[in-house]
PDB file of N, CA and C in Angstrom:
ATOM      1  N   MET A   1       0.823  -1.173   0.000  1.00  0.00           N
ATOM      2  CA  MET A   1       0.000   0.000   0.000  1.00  0.00           C
ATOM      3  C   MET A   1       0.875   1.247   0.000  1.00  0.00           C
ATOM      4  N   ALA A   2       1.950   1.200   0.764  1.00  0.00           N
ATOM      5  CA  ALA A   2       2.824   2.372   0.837  1.00  0.00           C
ATOM      6  C   ALA A   2       3.453   2.665  -0.522  1.00  0.00           C
ATOM      7  N   ILE A   3       3.819   1.618  -1.237  1.00  0.00           N
ATOM      8  CA  ILE A   3       4.424   1.812  -2.559  1.00  0.00           C
ATOM      9  C   ILE A   3       3.416   2.413  -3.520  1.00  0.00           C
ATOM     10  N   MET A   4       2.189   1.903  -3.503  1.00  0.00           N
ATOM     11  CA  MET A   4       1.165   2.448  -4.395  1.00  0.00           C
ATOM     12  C   MET A   4       0.852   3.900  -4.044  1.00  0.00           C
ATOM     13  N   ALA A   5       0.760   4.207  -2.747  1.00  0.00           N
ATOM     14  CA  ALA A   5       0.500   5.582  -2.326  1.00  0.00           C
ATOM     15  C   ALA A   5       1.637   6.503  -2.752  1.00  0.00           C
ATOM     16  N   ALA A   6       2.877   6.026  -2.643  1.00  0.00           N
ATOM     17  CA  ALA A   6       4.026   6.841  -3.053  1.00  0.00           C
ATOM     18  C   ALA A   6       4.029   7.080  -4.565  1.00  0.00           C
ATOM     19  N   LEU A   7       3.611   6.076  -5.334  1.00  0.00           N
ATOM     20  CA  LEU A   7       3.530   6.253  -6.783  1.00  0.00           C
ATOM     21  C   LEU A   7       2.470   7.282  -7.163  1.00  0.00           C
ATOM     22  N   VAL A   8       1.337   7.248  -6.486  1.00  0.00           N
ATOM     23  CA  VAL A   8       0.292   8.250  -6.744  1.00  0.00           C
ATOM     24  C   VAL A   8       0.809   9.632  -6.367  1.00  0.00           C
ATOM     25  N   TYR A   9       1.448   9.738  -5.205  1.00  0.00           N
ATOM     26  CA  TYR A   9       1.998  11.013  -4.757  1.00  0.00           C
ATOM     27  C   TYR A   9       3.018  11.551  -5.761  1.00  0.00           C
ATOM     28  N   ARG A  10       3.885  10.660  -6.276  1.00  0.00           N
ATOM     29  CA  ARG A  10       4.894  11.083  -7.262  1.00  0.00           C
ATOM     30  C   ARG A  10       4.223  11.585  -8.533  1.00  0.00           C
ATOM     31  N   THR A  11       3.165  10.917  -8.956  1.00  0.00           N
ATOM     32  CA  THR A  11       2.453  11.331 -10.163  1.00  0.00           C
ATOM     33  C   THR A  11       1.830  12.710  -9.979  1.00  0.00           C
ATOM     34  N   VAL A  12       1.274  12.956  -8.807  1.00  0.00           N
ATOM     35  CA  VAL A  12       0.601  14.228  -8.544  1.00  0.00           C
ATOM     36  C   VAL A  12       1.596  15.355  -8.275  1.00  0.00           C
ATOM     37  N   SER A  13       2.633  15.081  -7.477  1.00  0.00           N
ATOM     38  CA  SER A  13       3.536  16.146  -7.030  1.00  0.00           C
ATOM     39  C   SER A  13       4.863  16.209  -7.781  1.00  0.00           C
ATOM     40  N   ALA A  14       5.197  15.169  -8.534  1.00  0.00           N
ATOM     41  CA  ALA A  14       6.484  15.062  -9.236  1.00  0.00           C
ATOM     42  C   ALA A  14       7.662  14.982  -8.264  1.00  0.00           C
ATOM     43  N   ARG A  15       7.407  14.573  -7.005  1.00  0.00           N
ATOM     44  CA  ARG A  15       8.465  14.397  -6.009  1.00  0.00           C
ATOM     45  C   ARG A  15       8.417  12.978  -5.467  1.00  0.00           C
ATOM     46  N   GLY A  16       9.571  12.406  -5.201  1.00  0.00           N
ATOM     47  CA  GLY A  16       9.643  11.056  -4.668  1.00  0.00           C
ATOM     48  C   GLY A  16       9.598  11.032  -3.157  1.00  0.00           C
ATOM     49  N   GLN A  17       9.507   9.814  -2.594  1.00  0.00           N
ATOM     50  CA  GLN A  17       9.473   9.629  -1.148  1.00  0.00           C
ATOM     51  C   GLN A  17      10.359   8.447  -0.762  1.00  0.00           C
ATOM     52  N   TYR A  18      10.802   8.445   0.485  1.00  0.00           N
ATOM     53  CA  TYR A  18      11.531   7.308   1.029  1.00  0.00           C
ATOM     54  C   TYR A  18      10.516   6.427   1.757  1.00  0.00           C
ATOM     55  N   ILE A  19      10.515   5.128   1.454  1.00  0.00           N
ATOM     56  CA  ILE A  19       9.571   4.203   2.081  1.00  0.00           C
ATOM     57  C   ILE A  19      10.361   3.109   2.794  1.00  0.00           C
ATOM     58  N   ASP A  20      10.029   2.873   4.051  1.00  0.00           N
ATOM     59  CA  ASP A  20      10.646   1.813   4.836  1.00  0.00           C
ATOM     60  C   ASP A  20       9.669   0.642   4.860  1.00  0.00           C
ATOM     61  N   VAL A  21      10.025  -0.473   4.199  1.00  0.00           N
ATOM     62  CA  VAL A  21       9.126  -1.617   4.056  1.00  0.00           C
ATOM     63  C   VAL A  21       9.765  -2.861   4.668  1.00  0.00           C
ATOM     64  N   SER A  22       8.975  -3.616   5.433  1.00  0.00           N
ATOM     65  CA  SER A  22       9.441  -4.867   6.014  1.00  0.00           C
ATOM     66  C   SER A  22       9.198  -6.003   5.024  1.00  0.00           C
ATOM     67  N   ILE A  23      10.248  -6.594   4.480  1.00  0.00           N
ATOM     68  CA  ILE A  23      10.105  -7.687   3.518  1.00  0.00           C
ATOM     69  C   ILE A  23       9.473  -8.908   4.189  1.00  0.00           C
ATOM     70  N   HIS A  24       9.776  -9.121   5.469  1.00  0.00           N
ATOM     71  CA  HIS A  24       9.206 -10.278   6.173  1.00  0.00           C
ATOM     72  C   HIS A  24       7.681 -10.160   6.275  1.00  0.00           C
ATOM     73  N   GLU A  25       7.189  -8.982   6.660  1.00  0.00           N
ATOM     74  CA  GLU A  25       5.743  -8.800   6.757  1.00  0.00           C
ATOM     75  C   GLU A  25       5.086  -8.868   5.388  1.00  0.00           C
ATOM     76  N   ALA A  26       5.731  -8.299   4.380  1.00  0.00           N
ATOM     77  CA  ALA A  26       5.159  -8.328   3.034  1.00  0.00           C
ATOM     78  C   ALA A  26       5.028  -9.768   2.534  1.00  0.00           C
ATOM     79  N   CYS A  27       6.049 -10.580   2.751  1.00  0.00           N
ATOM     80  CA  CYS A  27       5.999 -11.975   2.299  1.00  0.00           C
ATOM     81  C   CYS A  27       4.990 -12.790   3.096  1.00  0.00           C
ATOM     82  N   SER A  28       4.926 -12.567   4.393  1.00  0.00           N
ATOM     83  CA  SER A  28       4.020 -13.376   5.210  1.00  0.00           C
ATOM     84  C   SER A  28       2.558 -13.068   4.906  1.00  0.00           C
ATOM     85  N   LEU A  29       2.266 -11.880   4.442  1.00  0.00           N
ATOM     86  CA  LEU A  29       0.888 -11.523   4.132  1.00  0.00           C
ATOM     87  C   LEU A  29       0.497 -11.814   2.695  1.00  0.00           C
ATOM     88  N   THR A  30       1.448 -12.035   1.826  1.00  0.00           N
ATOM     89  CA  THR A  30       1.103 -12.212   0.415  1.00  0.00           C
ATOM     90  C   THR A  30       1.396 -13.607  -0.113  1.00  0.00           C
ATOM     91  N   THR A  31       1.860 -14.502   0.739  1.00  0.00           N
ATOM     92  CA  THR A  31       2.142 -15.848   0.269  1.00  0.00           C
ATOM     93  C   THR A  31       0.904 -16.724   0.334  1.00  0.00           C
ATOM     94  N   GLU A  32       0.888 -17.750  -0.465  1.00  0.00           N
ATOM     95  CA  GLU A  32      -0.137 -18.784  -0.457  1.00  0.00           C
ATOM     96  C   GLU A  32      -1.560 -18.256  -0.593  1.00  0.00           C
ATOM     97  N   ALA A  33      -1.770 -17.387  -1.537  1.00  0.00           N
ATOM     98  CA  ALA A  33      -3.109 -16.909  -1.917  1.00  0.00           C
ATOM     99  C   ALA A  33      -3.832 -16.139  -0.819  1.00  0.00           C
ATOM    100  N   GLN A  34      -3.107 -15.450   0.035  1.00  0.00           N
ATOM    101  CA  GLN A  34      -3.720 -14.651   1.101  1.00  0.00           C
ATOM    102  C   GLN A  34      -4.740 -13.663   0.540  1.00  0.00           C
ATOM    103  N   VAL A  35      -4.362 -12.927  -0.479  1.00  0.00           N
ATOM    104  CA  VAL A  35      -5.241 -11.907  -1.037  1.00  0.00           C
ATOM    105  C   VAL A  35      -6.474 -12.536  -1.683  1.00  0.00           C
ATOM    106  N   ALA A  36      -6.280 -13.596  -2.453  1.00  0.00           N
ATOM    107  CA  ALA A  36      -7.411 -14.249  -3.120  1.00  0.00           C
ATOM    108  C   ALA A  36      -8.411 -14.809  -2.107  1.00  0.00           C
ATOM    109  N   ASN A  37      -7.945 -15.406  -1.027  1.00  0.00           N
ATOM    110  CA  ASN A  37      -8.855 -15.927  -0.001  1.00  0.00           C
ATOM    111  C   ASN A  37      -9.660 -14.804   0.639  1.00  0.00           C
ATOM    112  N   TYR A  38      -9.033 -13.670   0.861  1.00  0.00           N
ATOM    113  CA  TYR A  38      -9.755 -12.549   1.459  1.00  0.00           C
ATOM    114  C   TYR A  38     -10.802 -11.994   0.491  1.00  0.00           C
ATOM    115  N   ILE A  39     -10.427 -11.836  -0.771  1.00  0.00           N
ATOM    116  CA  ILE A  39     -11.344 -11.263  -1.756  1.00  0.00           C
ATOM    117  C   ILE A  39     -12.523 -12.188  -2.026  1.00  0.00           C
ATOM    118  N   TYR A  40     -12.259 -13.455  -2.288  1.00  0.00           N
ATOM    119  CA  TYR A  40     -13.315 -14.374  -2.706  1.00  0.00           C
ATOM    120  C   TYR A  40     -14.071 -15.038  -1.564  1.00  0.00           C
ATOM    121  N   ARG A  41     -13.416 -15.292  -0.439  1.00  0.00           N
ATOM    122  CA  ARG A  41     -14.070 -15.987   0.669  1.00  0.00           C
ATOM    123  C   ARG A  41     -14.319 -15.094   1.883  1.00  0.00           C
ATOM    124  N   GLY A  42     -13.652 -13.946   1.919  1.00  0.00           N
ATOM    125  CA  GLY A  42     -13.793 -13.066   3.075  1.00  0.00           C
ATOM    126  C   GLY A  42     -13.042 -13.570   4.297  1.00  0.00           C
ATOM    127  N   GLU A  43     -12.108 -14.521   4.100  1.00  0.00           N
ATOM    128  CA  GLU A  43     -11.340 -15.095   5.206  1.00  0.00           C
ATOM    129  C   GLU A  43     -10.029 -14.350   5.404  1.00  0.00           C
ATOM    130  N   VAL A  44      -9.725 -14.051   6.648  1.00  0.00           N
ATOM    131  CA  VAL A  44      -8.426 -13.487   6.987  1.00  0.00           C
ATOM    132  C   VAL A  44      -7.551 -14.657   7.414  1.00  0.00           C
ATOM    133  N   LEU A  45      -6.547 -14.976   6.613  1.00  0.00           N
ATOM    134  CA  LEU A  45      -5.683 -16.119   6.909  1.00  0.00           C
ATOM    135  C   LEU A  45      -4.585 -15.708   7.877  1.00  0.00           C
ATOM    136  N   ARG A  46      -4.284 -16.578   8.797  1.00  0.00           N
ATOM    137  CA  ARG A  46      -3.243 -16.339   9.798  1.00  0.00           C
ATOM    138  C   ARG A  46      -2.085 -17.294   9.563  1.00  0.00           C
ATOM    139  N   ARG A  47      -0.887 -16.803   9.817  1.00  0.00           N
ATOM    140  CA  ARG A  47       0.276 -17.669   9.715  1.00  0.00           C
ATOM    141  C   ARG A  47       0.220 -18.693  10.834  1.00  0.00           C
ATOM    142  N   GLN A  48       0.561 -19.929  10.509  1.00  0.00           N
ATOM    143  CA  GLN A  48       0.607 -21.013  11.481  1.00  0.00           C
ATOM    144  C   GLN A  48       2.060 -21.485  11.545  1.00  0.00           C
ATOM    145  N   THR A  49       2.698 -21.367  12.683  1.00  0.00           N
ATOM    146  CA  THR A  49       4.115 -21.693  12.806  1.00  0.00           C
ATOM    147  C   THR A  49       4.405 -23.115  12.347  1.00  0.00           C
ATOM    148  N   GLY A  50       5.302 -23.260  11.390  1.00  0.00           N
ATOM    149  CA  GLY A  50       5.728 -24.572  10.923  1.00  0.00           C
ATOM    150  C   GLY A  50       4.732 -25.260  10.010  1.00  0.00           C
ATOM    151  N   ARG A  51       3.712 -24.560   9.562  1.00  0.00           N
ATOM    152  CA  ARG A  51       2.732 -25.187   8.679  1.00  0.00           C
ATOM    153  C   ARG A  51       2.074 -24.121   7.807  1.00  0.00           C
ATOM    154  N   HIS A  52       1.135 -24.525   6.979  1.00  0.00           N
ATOM    155  CA  HIS A  52       0.498 -23.586   6.058  1.00  0.00           C
ATOM    156  C   HIS A  52      -0.452 -22.638   6.791  1.00  0.00           C
ATOM    157  N   HIS A  53      -0.849 -21.595   6.095  1.00  0.00           N
ATOM    158  CA  HIS A  53      -1.785 -20.629   6.660  1.00  0.00           C
ATOM    159  C   HIS A  53      -3.176 -21.248   6.788  1.00  0.00           C
ATOM    160  N   ALA A  54      -4.006 -20.640   7.602  1.00  0.00           N
ATOM    161  CA  ALA A  54      -5.382 -21.092   7.756  1.00  0.00           C
ATOM    162  C   ALA A  54      -6.211 -19.969   8.357  1.00  0.00           C
ATOM    163  N   ALA A  55      -7.509 -20.045   8.166  1.00  0.00           N
ATOM    164  CA  ALA A  55      -8.403 -19.035   8.730  1.00  0.00           C
ATOM    165  C   ALA A  55      -8.530 -19.197  10.248  1.00  0.00           C
ATOM    166  N   GLY A  56      -8.337 -20.400  10.750  1.00  0.00           N
ATOM    167  CA  GLY A  56      -8.418 -20.665  12.191  1.00  0.00           C
ATOM    168  C   GLY A  56      -7.237 -21.502  12.638  1.00  0.00           C
ATOM    169  N   PRO A  57      -7.154 -21.792  13.923  1.00  0.00           N
ATOM    170  CA  PRO A  57      -6.050 -22.604  14.437  1.00  0.00           C
ATOM    171  C   PRO A  57      -6.030 -24.003  13.806  1.00  0.00           C
ATOM    172  N   THR A  58      -4.846 -24.531  13.594  1.00  0.00           N
ATOM    173  CA  THR A  58      -4.681 -25.877  13.046  1.00  0.00           C
ATOM    174  C   THR A  58      -3.880 -26.720  14.036  1.00  0.00           C
ATOM    175  N   PRO A  59      -3.950 -28.044  13.926  1.00  0.00           N
ATOM    176  CA  PRO A  59      -3.203 -28.907  14.847  1.00  0.00           C
ATOM    177  C   PRO A  59      -1.692 -28.682  14.742  1.00  0.00           C
ATOM    178  N   ARG A  60      -1.010 -28.843  15.851  1.00  0.00           N
ATOM    179  CA  ARG A  60       0.449 -28.689  15.874  1.00  0.00           C
ATOM    180  C   ARG A  60       1.121 -29.732  14.998  1.00  0.00           C
ATOM    181  N   THR A  61       2.255 -29.376  14.437  1.00  0.00           N
ATOM    182  CA  THR A  61       3.055 -30.328  13.663  1.00  0.00           C
ATOM    183  C   THR A  61       4.483 -30.410  14.192  1.00  0.00           C
ATOM    184  N   GLN A  62       4.810 -29.600  15.190  1.00  0.00           N
ATOM    185  CA  GLN A  62       6.146 -29.617  15.778  1.00  0.00           C
ATOM    186  C   GLN A  62       6.046 -30.039  17.236  1.00  0.00           C
ATOM    187  N   PHE A  63       6.898 -31.000  17.606  1.00  0.00           N
ATOM    188  CA  PHE A  63       6.872 -31.530  18.968  1.00  0.00           C
ATOM    189  C   PHE A  63       8.293 -31.661  19.494  1.00  0.00           C
ATOM    190  N   ARG A  64       8.445 -31.543  20.806  1.00  0.00           N
ATOM    191  CA  ARG A  64       9.763 -31.717  21.426  1.00  0.00           C
ATOM    192  C   ARG A  64      10.032 -33.212  21.574  1.00  0.00           C
ATOM    193  N   ALA A  65      11.179 -33.655  21.061  1.00  0.00           N
ATOM    194  CA  ALA A  65      11.576 -35.066  21.142  1.00  0.00           C
ATOM    195  C   ALA A  65      12.176 -35.354  22.525  1.00  0.00           C
ATOM    196  N   ASN A  66      12.361 -36.622  22.826  1.00  0.00           N
ATOM    197  CA  ASN A  66      12.919 -37.019  24.128  1.00  0.00           C
ATOM    198  C   ASN A  66      14.309 -36.445  24.362  1.00  0.00           C
ATOM    199  N   ASP A  67      15.076 -36.220  23.290  1.00  0.00           N
ATOM    200  CA  ASP A  67      16.426 -35.687  23.453  1.00  0.00           C
ATOM    201  C   ASP A  67      16.447 -34.158  23.554  1.00  0.00           C
ATOM    202  N   GLY A  68      15.267 -33.521  23.568  1.00  0.00           N
ATOM    203  CA  GLY A  68      15.198 -32.070  23.727  1.00  0.00           C
ATOM    204  C   GLY A  68      15.093 -31.306  22.416  1.00  0.00           C
ATOM    205  N   ASN A  69      15.398 -31.961  21.308  1.00  0.00           N
ATOM    206  CA  ASN A  69      15.307 -31.300  20.007  1.00  0.00           C
ATOM    207  C   ASN A  69      13.860 -31.276  19.527  1.00  0.00           C
ATOM    208  N   MET A  70      13.608 -30.466  18.525  1.00  0.00           N
ATOM    209  CA  MET A  70      12.265 -30.392  17.961  1.00  0.00           C
ATOM    210  C   MET A  70      12.144 -31.380  16.809  1.00  0.00           C
ATOM    211  N   SER A  71      10.978 -31.963  16.676  1.00  0.00           N
ATOM    212  CA  SER A  71      10.699 -32.911  15.615  1.00  0.00           C
ATOM    213  C   SER A  71       9.416 -32.479  14.920  1.00  0.00           C
ATOM    214  N   ALA A  72       9.399 -32.567  13.602  1.00  0.00           N
ATOM    215  CA  ALA A  72       8.212 -32.180  12.843  1.00  0.00           C
ATOM    216  C   ALA A  72       7.453 -33.409  12.394  1.00  0.00           C
ATOM    217  N   LEU A  73       6.146 -33.365  12.548  1.00  0.00           N
ATOM    218  CA  LEU A  73       5.281 -34.446  12.116  1.00  0.00           C
ATOM    219  C   LEU A  73       4.556 -33.959  10.878  1.00  0.00           C
ATOM    220  N   TRP A  74       4.784 -34.610   9.765  1.00  0.00           N
ATOM    221  CA  TRP A  74       4.151 -34.214   8.520  1.00  0.00           C
ATOM    222  C   TRP A  74       3.075 -35.221   8.185  1.00  0.00           C
ATOM    223  N   LEU A  75       1.853 -34.754   8.067  1.00  0.00           N
ATOM    224  CA  LEU A  75       0.741 -35.629   7.744  1.00  0.00           C
ATOM    225  C   LEU A  75       0.444 -35.532   6.266  1.00  0.00           C
ATOM    226  N   ALA A  76       0.548 -36.652   5.575  1.00  0.00           N
ATOM    227  CA  ALA A  76       0.264 -36.677   4.132  1.00  0.00           C
ATOM    228  C   ALA A  76      -1.229 -36.877   3.917  1.00  0.00           C
ATOM    229  N   ALA A  77      -1.748 -36.211   2.896  1.00  0.00           N
ATOM    230  CA  ALA A  77      -3.165 -36.378   2.579  1.00  0.00           C
ATOM    231  C   ALA A  77      -3.398 -37.782   2.033  1.00  0.00           C
ATOM    232  N   ALA A  78      -4.436 -38.424   2.491  1.00  0.00           N
ATOM    233  CA  ALA A  78      -4.726 -39.787   2.072  1.00  0.00           C
ATOM    234  C   ALA A  78      -5.478 -39.799   0.752  1.00  0.00           C
TER     235      ALA A  78
END
């Protein structure tokens, strides 16, 4: 949004602007059809640590192993 607003401002005023953008936030909000789900379904998707996005909470896929390390459980679709 900031980039689009700056482009409009440049077109109107003929002056540029400095924009500070977080690449991490931009990627986390625009990956895996976030925008399309909001437009077509009205769902606000949330990031789920270690797994895909979803409109609501999803089951955990990361667990602490007996040796203290983390282990990921990947469930394949049947």
